[in-house]
Amino acid sequence: MPRLDHRPSLERVRAARADAYPDLGDVIDALCAGIDALAAGQPLPPETQAVLAHRQAVKTRFPKAD
C-alpha cells in the first residue's frame, strides 16, 4: 500500500505565507525607516522590528516543505 504524505505542498506553503505576510507597502516603509535609522547611527525603529518579527513568525508557522 502506498504511503500517504500529509505534509503541505510547497505551493500551499507559499500561498499561506503570502496571505500571512503584511502589505508590501507597509514592509517597504518599515524597512526604509530601518535603513534611515541605521544610517544615522540609531537603533531600528519599532515598526521595523515589528516587521522583522512578523516575518520570522510567518516563516516559523509555515516552514517550507522539503
C-alpha atoms as a PDB file:
ATOM      1  CA  MET A   1       0.000   0.000   0.000  1.00  0.00           C
ATOM      2  CA  PRO A   2       1.432   3.430  -0.888  1.00  0.00           C
ATOM      3  CA  ARG A   3       2.248   5.780   1.956  1.00  0.00           C
ATOM      4  CA  LEU A   4       0.206   8.933   2.274  1.00  0.00           C
ATOM      5  CA  ASP A   5       2.120  12.179   2.509  1.00  0.00           C
ATOM      6  CA  HIS A   6       0.295  14.642   4.763  1.00  0.00           C
ATOM      7  CA  ARG A   7       2.953  17.317   4.559  1.00  0.00           C
ATOM      8  CA  PRO A   8       1.798  20.536   2.924  1.00  0.00           C
ATOM      9  CA  SER A   9       2.884  21.043  -0.652  1.00  0.00           C
ATOM     10  CA  LEU A  10       5.311  23.814  -1.492  1.00  0.00           C
ATOM     11  CA  GLU A  11       2.539  25.621  -3.384  1.00  0.00           C
ATOM     12  CA  ARG A  12       0.232  25.549  -0.348  1.00  0.00           C
ATOM     13  CA  VAL A  13       3.019  26.734   1.947  1.00  0.00           C
ATOM     14  CA  ARG A  14       3.855  29.600  -0.420  1.00  0.00           C
ATOM     15  CA  ALA A  15       0.194  30.634  -0.611  1.00  0.00           C
ATOM     16  CA  ALA A  16      -0.212  30.504   3.165  1.00  0.00           C
ATOM     17  CA  ARG A  17       2.936  32.567   3.653  1.00  0.00           C
ATOM     18  CA  ALA A  18       1.832  35.136   1.085  1.00  0.00           C
ATOM     19  CA  ASP A  19      -1.521  35.526   2.842  1.00  0.00           C
ATOM     20  CA  ALA A  20       0.142  35.851   6.259  1.00  0.00           C
ATOM     21  CA  TYR A  21       2.722  38.498   5.363  1.00  0.00           C
ATOM     22  CA  PRO A  22       1.831  42.173   5.887  1.00  0.00           C
ATOM     23  CA  ASP A  23       1.094  44.520   2.994  1.00  0.00           C
ATOM     24  CA  LEU A  24       4.180  45.074   0.821  1.00  0.00           C
ATOM     25  CA  GLY A  25       3.898  48.862   1.079  1.00  0.00           C
ATOM     26  CA  ASP A  26       3.965  48.647   4.885  1.00  0.00           C
ATOM     27  CA  VAL A  27       7.024  46.399   4.727  1.00  0.00           C
ATOM     28  CA  ILE A  28       8.867  48.790   2.411  1.00  0.00           C
ATOM     29  CA  ASP A  29       8.047  51.767   4.649  1.00  0.00           C
ATOM     30  CA  ALA A  30       9.269  49.946   7.760  1.00  0.00           C
ATOM     31  CA  LEU A  31      12.461  48.757   6.074  1.00  0.00           C
ATOM     32  CA  CYS A  32      13.223  52.234   4.727  1.00  0.00           C
ATOM     33  CA  ALA A  33      12.735  53.643   8.235  1.00  0.00           C
ATOM     34  CA  GLY A  34      15.179  50.999   9.470  1.00  0.00           C
ATOM     35  CA  ILE A  35      17.767  51.882   6.833  1.00  0.00           C
ATOM     36  CA  ASP A  36      17.439  55.590   7.678  1.00  0.00           C
ATOM     37  CA  ALA A  37      17.877  54.839  11.380  1.00  0.00           C
ATOM     38  CA  LEU A  38      20.946  52.665  10.816  1.00  0.00           C
ATOM     39  CA  ALA A  39      22.493  55.311   8.540  1.00  0.00           C
ATOM     40  CA  ALA A  40      22.009  57.851  11.348  1.00  0.00           C
ATOM     41  CA  GLY A  41      23.594  55.504  13.875  1.00  0.00           C
ATOM     42  CA  GLN A  42      20.305  54.877  15.668  1.00  0.00           C
ATOM     43  CA  PRO A  43      18.670  51.584  16.633  1.00  0.00           C
ATOM     44  CA  LEU A  44      15.979  50.068  14.464  1.00  0.00           C
ATOM     45  CA  PRO A  45      12.616  51.750  14.991  1.00  0.00           C
ATOM     46  CA  PRO A  46       9.758  49.722  16.492  1.00  0.00           C
ATOM     47  CA  GLU A  47       7.921  49.403  13.152  1.00  0.00           C
ATOM     48  CA  THR A  48      10.996  47.840  11.539  1.00  0.00           C
ATOM     49  CA  GLN A  49      11.469  45.468  14.444  1.00  0.00           C
ATOM     50  CA  ALA A  50       7.782  44.514  14.230  1.00  0.00           C
ATOM     51  CA  VAL A  51       8.019  43.723  10.505  1.00  0.00           C
ATOM     52  CA  LEU A  52      11.123  41.584  11.058  1.00  0.00           C
ATOM     53  CA  ALA A  53       9.456  39.737  13.950  1.00  0.00           C
ATOM     54  CA  HIS A  54       6.292  39.200  11.904  1.00  0.00           C
ATOM     55  CA  ARG A  55       8.364  37.815   9.012  1.00  0.00           C
ATOM     56  CA  GLN A  56      10.104  35.335  11.309  1.00  0.00           C
ATOM     57  CA  ALA A  57       6.792  34.285  12.869  1.00  0.00           C
ATOM     58  CA  VAL A  58       5.347  33.561   9.419  1.00  0.00           C
ATOM     59  CA  LYS A  59       8.416  31.524   8.458  1.00  0.00           C
ATOM     60  CA  THR A  60       8.150  29.561  11.708  1.00  0.00           C
ATOM     61  CA  ARG A  61       4.406  28.965  11.340  1.00  0.00           C
ATOM     62  CA  PHE A  62       4.653  27.930   7.679  1.00  0.00           C
ATOM     63  CA  PRO A  63       8.003  26.152   7.171  1.00  0.00           C
ATOM     64  CA  LYS A  64       8.942  25.320   3.615  1.00  0.00           C
ATOM     65  CA  ALA A  65       8.105  21.779   2.570  1.00  0.00           C
ATOM     66  CA  ASP A  66      11.127  19.701   1.571  1.00  0.00           C
END
